[in-house]
C-alpha atoms as a PDB file:
ATOM      1  CA  UNK A   1       0.469  -0.087  -0.330  1.00  0.00           C
ATOM      2  CA  UNK A   2       1.607   3.558  -0.770  1.00  0.00           C
ATOM      3  CA  UNK A   3       0.908   6.070   1.281  1.00  0.00           C
ATOM      4  CA  UNK A   4      -0.505   8.626   0.752  1.00  0.00           C
ATOM      5  CA  UNK A   5      -3.654   7.091  -1.115  1.00  0.00           C
ATOM      6  CA  UNK A   6      -4.969   9.046  -3.971  1.00  0.00           C
ATOM      7  CA  UNK A   7      -7.313   8.326  -6.600  1.00  0.00           C
ATOM      8  CA  UNK A   8      -7.661  11.147 -10.108  1.00  0.00           C
ATOM      9  CA  UNK A   9     -10.508  12.746 -11.176  1.00  0.00           C
ATOM     10  CA  UNK A  10     -10.742  14.159 -15.381  1.00  0.00           C
ATOM     11  CA  UNK A  11      -6.217  14.513 -14.486  1.00  0.00           C
ATOM     12  CA  UNK A  12      -6.377  16.324 -11.010  1.00  0.00           C
ATOM     13  CA  UNK A  13      -4.999  13.950  -7.995  1.00  0.00           C
ATOM     14  CA  UNK A  14      -7.533  14.134  -4.759  1.00  0.00           C
ATOM     15  CA  UNK A  15      -6.459  12.341  -1.722  1.00  0.00           C
ATOM     16  CA  UNK A  16      -8.940   9.738  -0.020  1.00  0.00           C
ATOM     17  CA  UNK A  17      -8.213  11.657   3.072  1.00  0.00           C
ATOM     18  CA  UNK A  18     -10.949  14.515   1.620  1.00  0.00           C
ATOM     19  CA  UNK A  19     -13.566  11.920   0.504  1.00  0.00           C
ATOM     20  CA  UNK A  20     -13.705  10.277   4.066  1.00  0.00           C
ATOM     21  CA  UNK A  21     -13.497  14.128   5.911  1.00  0.00           C
ATOM     22  CA  UNK A  22     -17.092  14.286   3.651  1.00  0.00           C
ATOM     23  CA  UNK A  23     -18.661  11.156   4.181  1.00  0.00           C
ATOM     24  CA  UNK A  24     -17.858  11.574   8.034  1.00  0.00           C
ATOM     25  CA  UNK A  25     -19.809  14.733   8.404  1.00  0.00           C
ATOM     26  CA  UNK A  26     -22.585  13.321   6.017  1.00  0.00           C
ATOM     27  CA  UNK A  27     -23.214  10.085   7.987  1.00  0.00           C
ATOM     28  CA  UNK A  28     -22.773  11.516  11.214  1.00  0.00           C
ATOM     29  CA  UNK A  29     -25.402  14.073  11.077  1.00  0.00           C
ATOM     30  CA  UNK A  30     -27.628  11.678   8.873  1.00  0.00           C
ATOM     31  CA  UNK A  31     -27.196   9.208  12.188  1.00  0.00           C
ATOM     32  CA  UNK A  32     -28.367  11.765  14.604  1.00  0.00           C
ATOM     33  CA  UNK A  33     -31.157  12.793  12.534  1.00  0.00           C
ATOM     34  CA  UNK A  34     -32.265   9.433  12.670  1.00  0.00           C
ATOM     35  CA  UNK A  35     -31.812   8.323  15.950  1.00  0.00           C
ATOM     36  CA  UNK A  36     -33.017  11.908  16.468  1.00  0.00           C
ATOM     37  CA  UNK A  37     -36.696  10.547  15.714  1.00  0.00           C
ATOM     38  CA  UNK A  38     -36.577   7.892  18.060  1.00  0.00           C
ATOM     39  CA  UNK A  39     -35.671   9.849  20.616  1.00  0.00           C
ATOM     40  CA  UNK A  40     -37.908  11.883  23.462  1.00  0.00           C
ATOM     41  CA  UNK A  41     -35.975  15.167  23.214  1.00  0.00           C
ATOM     42  CA  UNK A  42     -36.392  17.448  26.053  1.00  0.00           C
ATOM     43  CA  UNK A  43     -34.624  20.573  24.481  1.00  0.00           C
ATOM     44  CA  UNK A  44     -36.824  22.210  21.915  1.00  0.00           C
ATOM     45  CA  UNK A  45     -35.337  22.127  18.232  1.00  0.00           C
ATOM     46  CA  UNK A  46     -34.617  25.726  18.531  1.00  0.00           C
ATOM     47  CA  UNK A  47     -32.401  25.139  21.833  1.00  0.00           C
ATOM     48  CA  UNK A  48     -30.928  22.482  19.817  1.00  0.00           C
ATOM     49  CA  UNK A  49     -29.989  24.265  16.865  1.00  0.00           C
ATOM     50  CA  UNK A  50     -28.357  26.879  19.041  1.00  0.00           C
ATOM     51  CA  UNK A  51     -27.025  23.984  20.758  1.00  0.00           C
ATOM     52  CA  UNK A  52     -25.640  22.794  17.437  1.00  0.00           C
ATOM     53  CA  UNK A  53     -24.329  26.099  16.409  1.00  0.00           C
ATOM     54  CA  UNK A  54     -22.375  26.912  19.431  1.00  0.00           C
ATOM     55  CA  UNK A  55     -20.742  23.541  19.062  1.00  0.00           C
ATOM     56  CA  UNK A  56     -19.921  24.121  15.813  1.00  0.00           C
ATOM     57  CA  UNK A  57     -18.079  27.294  16.065  1.00  0.00           C
ATOM     58  CA  UNK A  58     -16.489  26.366  19.771  1.00  0.00           C
ATOM     59  CA  UNK A  59     -15.274  23.194  17.562  1.00  0.00           C
ATOM     60  CA  UNK A  60     -13.806  25.028  14.785  1.00  0.00           C
ATOM     61  CA  UNK A  61     -11.840  27.238  17.078  1.00  0.00           C
ATOM     62  CA  UNK A  62     -10.557  24.793  19.468  1.00  0.00           C
ATOM     63  CA  UNK A  63      -9.464  22.229  16.971  1.00  0.00           C
ATOM     64  CA  UNK A  64      -6.933  24.884  15.378  1.00  0.00           C
ATOM     65  CA  UNK A  65      -5.625  26.170  18.590  1.00  0.00           C
ATOM     66  CA  UNK A  66      -5.048  23.084  20.726  1.00  0.00           C
ATOM     67  CA  UNK A  67      -3.619  22.105  17.249  1.00  0.00           C
ATOM     68  CA  UNK A  68      -1.153  25.080  17.275  1.00  0.00           C
ATOM     69  CA  UNK A  69       0.363  24.293  20.225  1.00  0.00           C
ATOM     70  CA  UNK A  70       0.879  20.419  19.157  1.00  0.00           C
ATOM     71  CA  UNK A  71       4.053  22.268  17.452  1.00  0.00           C
ATOM     72  CA  UNK A  72       7.044  24.211  18.770  1.00  0.00           C
ATOM     73  CA  UNK A  73       6.805  27.763  18.169  1.00  0.00           C
ATOM     74  CA  UNK A  74       3.886  27.512  16.043  1.00  0.00           C
ATOM     75  CA  UNK A  75       3.410  31.833  16.722  1.00  0.00           C
ATOM     76  CA  UNK A  76       6.151  32.667  16.346  1.00  0.00           C
ATOM     77  CA  UNK A  77       6.500  31.820  11.975  1.00  0.00           C
ATOM     78  CA  UNK A  78       2.651  30.752  11.410  1.00  0.00           C
ATOM     79  CA  UNK A  79       0.181  32.621   9.263  1.00  0.00           C
ATOM     80  CA  UNK A  80      -3.597  32.791   9.635  1.00  0.00           C
ATOM     81  CA  UNK A  81      -3.761  29.796   6.718  1.00  0.00           C
ATOM     82  CA  UNK A  82      -1.439  27.731   8.673  1.00  0.00           C
ATOM     83  CA  UNK A  83      -3.389  28.155  11.328  1.00  0.00           C
ATOM     84  CA  UNK A  84      -7.011  27.376   9.915  1.00  0.00           C
ATOM     85  CA  UNK A  85      -5.741  24.431   8.163  1.00  0.00           C
ATOM     86  CA  UNK A  86      -3.719  23.051  11.270  1.00  0.00           C
ATOM     87  CA  UNK A  87      -6.612  20.875  13.628  1.00  0.00           C
ATOM     88  CA  UNK A  88      -7.279  18.498  15.839  1.00  0.00           C
ATOM     89  CA  UNK A  89     -10.486  16.297  16.723  1.00  0.00           C
ATOM     90  CA  UNK A  90      -9.669  16.305  19.959  1.00  0.00           C
ATOM     91  CA  UNK A  91      -8.961  20.148  20.057  1.00  0.00           C
ATOM     92  CA  UNK A  92     -12.835  20.294  18.535  1.00  0.00           C
ATOM     93  CA  UNK A  93     -14.282  18.267  21.011  1.00  0.00           C
ATOM     94  CA  UNK A  94     -13.048  20.440  24.107  1.00  0.00           C
ATOM     95  CA  UNK A  95     -14.023  24.007  22.157  1.00  0.00           C
ATOM     96  CA  UNK A  96     -17.167  22.408  21.851  1.00  0.00           C
ATOM     97  CA  UNK A  97     -17.843  21.610  25.093  1.00  0.00           C
ATOM     98  CA  UNK A  98     -17.227  24.947  26.197  1.00  0.00           C
ATOM     99  CA  UNK A  99     -19.079  26.342  22.700  1.00  0.00           C
ATOM    100  CA  UNK A 100     -21.988  24.242  23.907  1.00  0.00           C
ATOM    101  CA  UNK A 101     -22.050  25.664  27.736  1.00  0.00           C
ATOM    102  CA  UNK A 102     -21.730  29.047  26.768  1.00  0.00           C
ATOM    103  CA  UNK A 103     -24.544  28.427  24.574  1.00  0.00           C
ATOM    104  CA  UNK A 104     -26.709  26.865  27.038  1.00  0.00           C
ATOM    105  CA  UNK A 105     -26.298  29.423  29.572  1.00  0.00           C
ATOM    106  CA  UNK A 106     -27.324  31.967  27.378  1.00  0.00           C
ATOM    107  CA  UNK A 107     -30.411  30.537  26.144  1.00  0.00           C
ATOM    108  CA  UNK A 108     -30.848  29.636  30.000  1.00  0.00           C
ATOM    109  CA  UNK A 109     -31.042  25.239  28.577  1.00  0.00           C
ATOM    110  CA  UNK A 110     -30.699  23.426  31.761  1.00  0.00           C
ATOM    111  CA  UNK A 111     -31.393  19.818  29.872  1.00  0.00           C
ATOM    112  CA  UNK A 112     -28.217  18.077  29.370  1.00  0.00           C
ATOM    113  CA  UNK A 113     -27.691  17.805  25.746  1.00  0.00           C
ATOM    114  CA  UNK A 114     -24.780  15.006  24.845  1.00  0.00           C
ATOM    115  CA  UNK A 115     -26.223  11.560  25.393  1.00  0.00           C
ATOM    116  CA  UNK A 116     -27.667  11.835  21.626  1.00  0.00           C
ATOM    117  CA  UNK A 117     -24.351  12.963  19.945  1.00  0.00           C
ATOM    118  CA  UNK A 118     -22.305   9.801  21.099  1.00  0.00           C
ATOM    119  CA  UNK A 119     -22.748   7.447  19.001  1.00  0.00           C
ATOM    120  CA  UNK A 120     -22.891  10.039  16.061  1.00  0.00           C
ATOM    121  CA  UNK A 121     -19.736  11.214  17.363  1.00  0.00           C
ATOM    122  CA  UNK A 122     -18.369   8.000  17.274  1.00  0.00           C
ATOM    123  CA  UNK A 123     -18.893   6.657  13.968  1.00  0.00           C
ATOM    124  CA  UNK A 124     -18.186  10.121  12.359  1.00  0.00           C
ATOM    125  CA  UNK A 125     -14.697   9.821  13.820  1.00  0.00           C
ATOM    126  CA  UNK A 126     -14.716   6.153  12.906  1.00  0.00           C
ATOM    127  CA  UNK A 127     -14.984   7.204   9.280  1.00  0.00           C
ATOM    128  CA  UNK A 128     -13.296  10.100   9.269  1.00  0.00           C
ATOM    129  CA  UNK A 129      -9.780   7.930  10.813  1.00  0.00           C
ATOM    130  CA  UNK A 130     -10.150   6.058   7.162  1.00  0.00           C
ATOM    131  CA  UNK A 131      -9.648   9.169   6.046  1.00  0.00           C
ATOM    132  CA  UNK A 132      -5.920   9.889   8.297  1.00  0.00           C
ATOM    133  CA  UNK A 133      -5.273   6.808   8.111  1.00  0.00           C
ATOM    134  CA  UNK A 134      -4.824   6.952   4.618  1.00  0.00           C
ATOM    135  CA  UNK A 135      -2.298   9.968   4.987  1.00  0.00           C
ATOM    136  CA  UNK A 136       0.269   7.775   6.301  1.00  0.00           C
ATOM    137  CA  UNK A 137       3.043  10.048   7.371  1.00  0.00           C
ATOM    138  CA  UNK A 138       1.611  13.365   5.294  1.00  0.00           C
ATOM    139  CA  UNK A 139      -1.010  14.085   8.916  1.00  0.00           C
ATOM    140  CA  UNK A 140       0.477  14.036  11.598  1.00  0.00           C
ATOM    141  CA  UNK A 141      -1.647  11.202  13.288  1.00  0.00           C
ATOM    142  CA  UNK A 142       0.986   8.060  12.739  1.00  0.00           C
ATOM    143  CA  UNK A 143       3.266   6.910  15.535  1.00  0.00           C
ATOM    144  CA  UNK A 144       7.140   6.377  16.640  1.00  0.00           C
ATOM    145  CA  UNK A 145       8.930   3.253  14.736  1.00  0.00           C
ATOM    146  CA  UNK A 146       8.539   0.342  16.457  1.00  0.00           C
ATOM    147  CA  UNK A 147       9.500  -3.584  16.234  1.00  0.00           C
ATOM    148  CA  UNK A 148       5.564  -4.315  17.561  1.00  0.00           C
ATOM    149  CA  UNK A 149       3.794  -6.897  15.556  1.00  0.00           C
ATOM    150  CA  UNK A 150       1.756  -4.323  14.056  1.00  0.00           C
ATOM    151  CA  UNK A 151       4.405  -2.211  13.173  1.00  0.00           C
ATOM    152  CA  UNK A 152       3.061  -0.700   8.990  1.00  0.00           C
ATOM    153  CA  UNK A 153       5.119   1.533   5.985  1.00  0.00           C
ATOM    154  CA  UNK A 154       3.315   4.569   6.438  1.00  0.00           C
ATOM    155  CA  UNK A 155       5.192   5.922   3.105  1.00  0.00           C
ATOM    156  CA  UNK A 156       8.921   6.466   4.537  1.00  0.00           C
ATOM    157  CA  UNK A 157      10.052   2.567   4.724  1.00  0.00           C
ATOM    158  CA  UNK A 158      10.176   2.847   8.443  1.00  0.00           C
ATOM    159  CA  UNK A 159       7.669   0.519  10.552  1.00  0.00           C
ATOM    160  CA  UNK A 160       5.967   2.279  12.883  1.00  0.00           C
ATOM    161  CA  UNK A 161       2.580   2.751  15.085  1.00  0.00           C
ATOM    162  CA  UNK A 162      -0.242   2.212  12.799  1.00  0.00           C
ATOM    163  CA  UNK A 163      -2.198   4.731  15.545  1.00  0.00           C
ATOM    164  CA  UNK A 164      -5.212   5.597  13.312  1.00  0.00           C
ATOM    165  CA  UNK A 165      -5.886   1.509  12.876  1.00  0.00           C
ATOM    166  CA  UNK A 166      -6.074   1.956  17.126  1.00  0.00           C
ATOM    167  CA  UNK A 167      -8.219   4.580  17.235  1.00  0.00           C
ATOM    168  CA  UNK A 168     -10.976   2.665  14.724  1.00  0.00           C
ATOM    169  CA  UNK A 169     -10.375  -0.155  16.674  1.00  0.00           C
ATOM    170  CA  UNK A 170     -11.176   1.484  20.338  1.00  0.00           C
ATOM    171  CA  UNK A 171     -13.600   3.327  18.448  1.00  0.00           C
ATOM    172  CA  UNK A 172     -15.517   0.455  17.388  1.00  0.00           C
ATOM    173  CA  UNK A 173     -15.678  -1.050  21.119  1.00  0.00           C
ATOM    174  CA  UNK A 174     -16.580   2.235  21.903  1.00  0.00           C
ATOM    175  CA  UNK A 175     -19.838   1.841  19.825  1.00  0.00           C
ATOM    176  CA  UNK A 176     -20.689  -1.536  21.194  1.00  0.00           C
ATOM    177  CA  UNK A 177     -20.193  -0.092  24.410  1.00  0.00           C
ATOM    178  CA  UNK A 178     -22.730   3.398  24.300  1.00  0.00           C
ATOM    179  CA  UNK A 179     -25.165   1.513  22.036  1.00  0.00           C
ATOM    180  CA  UNK A 180     -25.647  -1.335  24.989  1.00  0.00           C
ATOM    181  CA  UNK A 181     -25.926   1.913  27.580  1.00  0.00           C
ATOM    182  CA  UNK A 182     -27.765   4.146  25.860  1.00  0.00           C
ATOM    183  CA  UNK A 183     -30.894   0.920  25.669  1.00  0.00           C
ATOM    184  CA  UNK A 184     -30.088   0.058  29.480  1.00  0.00           C
ATOM    185  CA  UNK A 185     -28.977   2.492  31.452  1.00  0.00           C
ATOM    186  CA  UNK A 186     -27.468   1.820  34.947  1.00  0.00           C
ATOM    187  CA  UNK A 187     -27.975   2.921  38.141  1.00  0.00           C
ATOM    188  CA  UNK A 188     -27.864   6.670  39.135  1.00  0.00           C
ATOM    189  CA  UNK A 189     -28.061   7.007  35.398  1.00  0.00           C
ATOM    190  CA  UNK A 190     -28.373  10.887  34.814  1.00  0.00           C
ATOM    191  CA  UNK A 191     -28.504  12.629  31.166  1.00  0.00           C
ATOM    192  CA  UNK A 192     -25.295  13.410  29.830  1.00  0.00           C
ATOM    193  CA  UNK A 193     -23.411  11.168  32.021  1.00  0.00           C
ATOM    194  CA  UNK A 194     -22.903   8.562  28.243  1.00  0.00           C
ATOM    195  CA  UNK A 195     -21.325  11.705  26.975  1.00  0.00           C
ATOM    196  CA  UNK A 196     -19.148  12.232  29.828  1.00  0.00           C
ATOM    197  CA  UNK A 197     -17.969   9.044  30.228  1.00  0.00           C
ATOM    198  CA  UNK A 198     -17.529   9.019  26.539  1.00  0.00           C
ATOM    199  CA  UNK A 199     -15.114  12.236  26.913  1.00  0.00           C
ATOM    200  CA  UNK A 200     -13.499  10.522  29.631  1.00  0.00           C
ATOM    201  CA  UNK A 201     -12.502   7.428  28.400  1.00  0.00           C
ATOM    202  CA  UNK A 202     -11.699   8.887  24.173  1.00  0.00           C
ATOM    203  CA  UNK A 203      -9.581  11.872  26.006  1.00  0.00           C
ATOM    204  CA  UNK A 204      -8.016   8.880  28.483  1.00  0.00           C
ATOM    205  CA  UNK A 205      -6.938   7.568  25.311  1.00  0.00           C
ATOM    206  CA  UNK A 206      -5.851  10.005  23.433  1.00  0.00           C
ATOM    207  CA  UNK A 207      -3.180  10.438  26.440  1.00  0.00           C
ATOM    208  CA  UNK A 208      -2.152   6.779  26.379  1.00  0.00           C
ATOM    209  CA  UNK A 209      -1.450   7.245  22.267  1.00  0.00           C
ATOM    210  CA  UNK A 210       0.912  10.564  22.701  1.00  0.00           C
ATOM    211  CA  UNK A 211       3.559   7.979  24.089  1.00  0.00           C
ATOM    212  CA  UNK A 212       3.762   6.259  21.078  1.00  0.00           C
ATOM    213  CA  UNK A 213       4.041   9.133  18.699  1.00  0.00           C
ATOM    214  CA  UNK A 214       6.767  12.207  17.964  1.00  0.00           C
ATOM    215  CA  UNK A 215       5.848  14.459  21.078  1.00  0.00           C
ATOM    216  CA  UNK A 216       6.067  17.837  21.406  1.00  0.00           C
ATOM    217  CA  UNK A 217       6.803  18.375  25.258  1.00  0.00           C
ATOM    218  CA  UNK A 218       4.999  21.838  26.151  1.00  0.00           C
ATOM    219  CA  UNK A 219       5.412  21.027  29.982  1.00  0.00           C
ATOM    220  CA  UNK A 220       6.404  18.510  32.796  1.00  0.00           C
ATOM    221  CA  UNK A 221       7.145  16.248  29.768  1.00  0.00           C
ATOM    222  CA  UNK A 222       3.463  16.266  29.071  1.00  0.00           C
ATOM    223  CA  UNK A 223       2.308  17.533  25.164  1.00  0.00           C
ATOM    224  CA  UNK A 224      -0.863  19.459  24.604  1.00  0.00           C
ATOM    225  CA  UNK A 225      -3.387  16.685  24.568  1.00  0.00           C
ATOM    226  CA  UNK A 226      -2.265  15.186  27.128  1.00  0.00           C
ATOM    227  CA  UNK A 227      -2.650  18.983  29.925  1.00  0.00           C
ATOM    228  CA  UNK A 228      -6.249  18.637  27.867  1.00  0.00           C
ATOM    229  CA  UNK A 229      -6.858  15.345  28.824  1.00  0.00           C
ATOM    230  CA  UNK A 230      -5.909  15.708  32.636  1.00  0.00           C
ATOM    231  CA  UNK A 231      -8.130  19.112  31.995  1.00  0.00           C
ATOM    232  CA  UNK A 232     -11.224  16.963  30.930  1.00  0.00           C
ATOM    233  CA  UNK A 233     -10.491  14.700  34.243  1.00  0.00           C
ATOM    234  CA  UNK A 234     -10.982  18.273  36.458  1.00  0.00           C
ATOM    235  CA  UNK A 235     -13.498  18.851  34.428  1.00  0.00           C
ATOM    236  CA  UNK A 236     -15.750  16.435  35.109  1.00  0.00           C
ATOM    237  CA  UNK A 237     -15.032  16.515  39.145  1.00  0.00           C
ATOM    238  CA  UNK A 238     -18.802  16.544  40.368  1.00  0.00           C
ATOM    239  CA  UNK A 239     -19.058  13.293  38.157  1.00  0.00           C
ATOM    240  CA  UNK A 240     -16.710  11.347  39.930  1.00  0.00           C
ATOM    241  CA  UNK A 241     -17.374  13.119  43.107  1.00  0.00           C
ATOM    242  CA  UNK A 242     -21.222  11.976  42.835  1.00  0.00           C
ATOM    243  CA  UNK A 243     -20.143   8.005  41.859  1.00  0.00           C
ATOM    244  CA  UNK A 244     -18.169   8.164  44.886  1.00  0.00           C
ATOM    245  CA  UNK A 245     -21.256   9.351  47.149  1.00  0.00           C
ATOM    246  CA  UNK A 246     -23.043   6.720  45.274  1.00  0.00           C
ATOM    247  CA  UNK A 247     -20.953   3.971  45.971  1.00  0.00           C
ATOM    248  CA  UNK A 248     -19.948   4.017  49.184  1.00  0.00           C
ATOM    249  CA  UNK A 249     -23.738   4.696  49.838  1.00  0.00           C
ATOM    250  CA  UNK A 250     -24.197   1.280  48.907  1.00  0.00           C
ATOM    251  CA  UNK A 251     -21.613   0.059  50.410  1.00  0.00           C
ATOM    252  CA  UNK A 252     -23.523  -0.421  53.534  1.00  0.00           C
END
């Protein structure tokens, strides 16, 4: 397999990545509306629209800002076009989270809104990661050299960790897990918990994968992605506190 994977249309060469980016967005949105038809949504359509707008704007900014911190001295030489073209999914999640929470405060929406997005997000991520994998080392999603049996030549003749394949396997497991979780909710479950659990699991996975990638450590030997992982655990401290209290109460 030659990386990056390309195809031609009327003499023009295109990266396969572009096709899967479009498919990820289109299929993810269609799956969301499919689930929404069979879901008793407590949030009005207009508020849901505002929340989605907040998520998109937040994701747009967050994905670029976090990605900029992945590159050493980026702000010293980059222009606006480089800033816009450089992005990371994890930063998009973080920015989208703040965008949603900000909009909900403005419109006065109290209901949790995240659970309905969990499965569409996982599906869209899986499809998008196929495109990322097709780029080989042309994107910063490749791993370091390895002698492990999963090592692959991603375009530079060296055996590397195929990080995107690892993530695709992880996302497939997550999809099955949340499909069951959302069908049969556990005791002490609250609306919004599935989204929180998804964020915690995904950020944990990305934290660990950073050790298998070429790294730019910004502080205390950790990358910006890893600091985002630590932040998300601190952000959801009330979630851990609630389950800690529930566990302690049910010990007696």
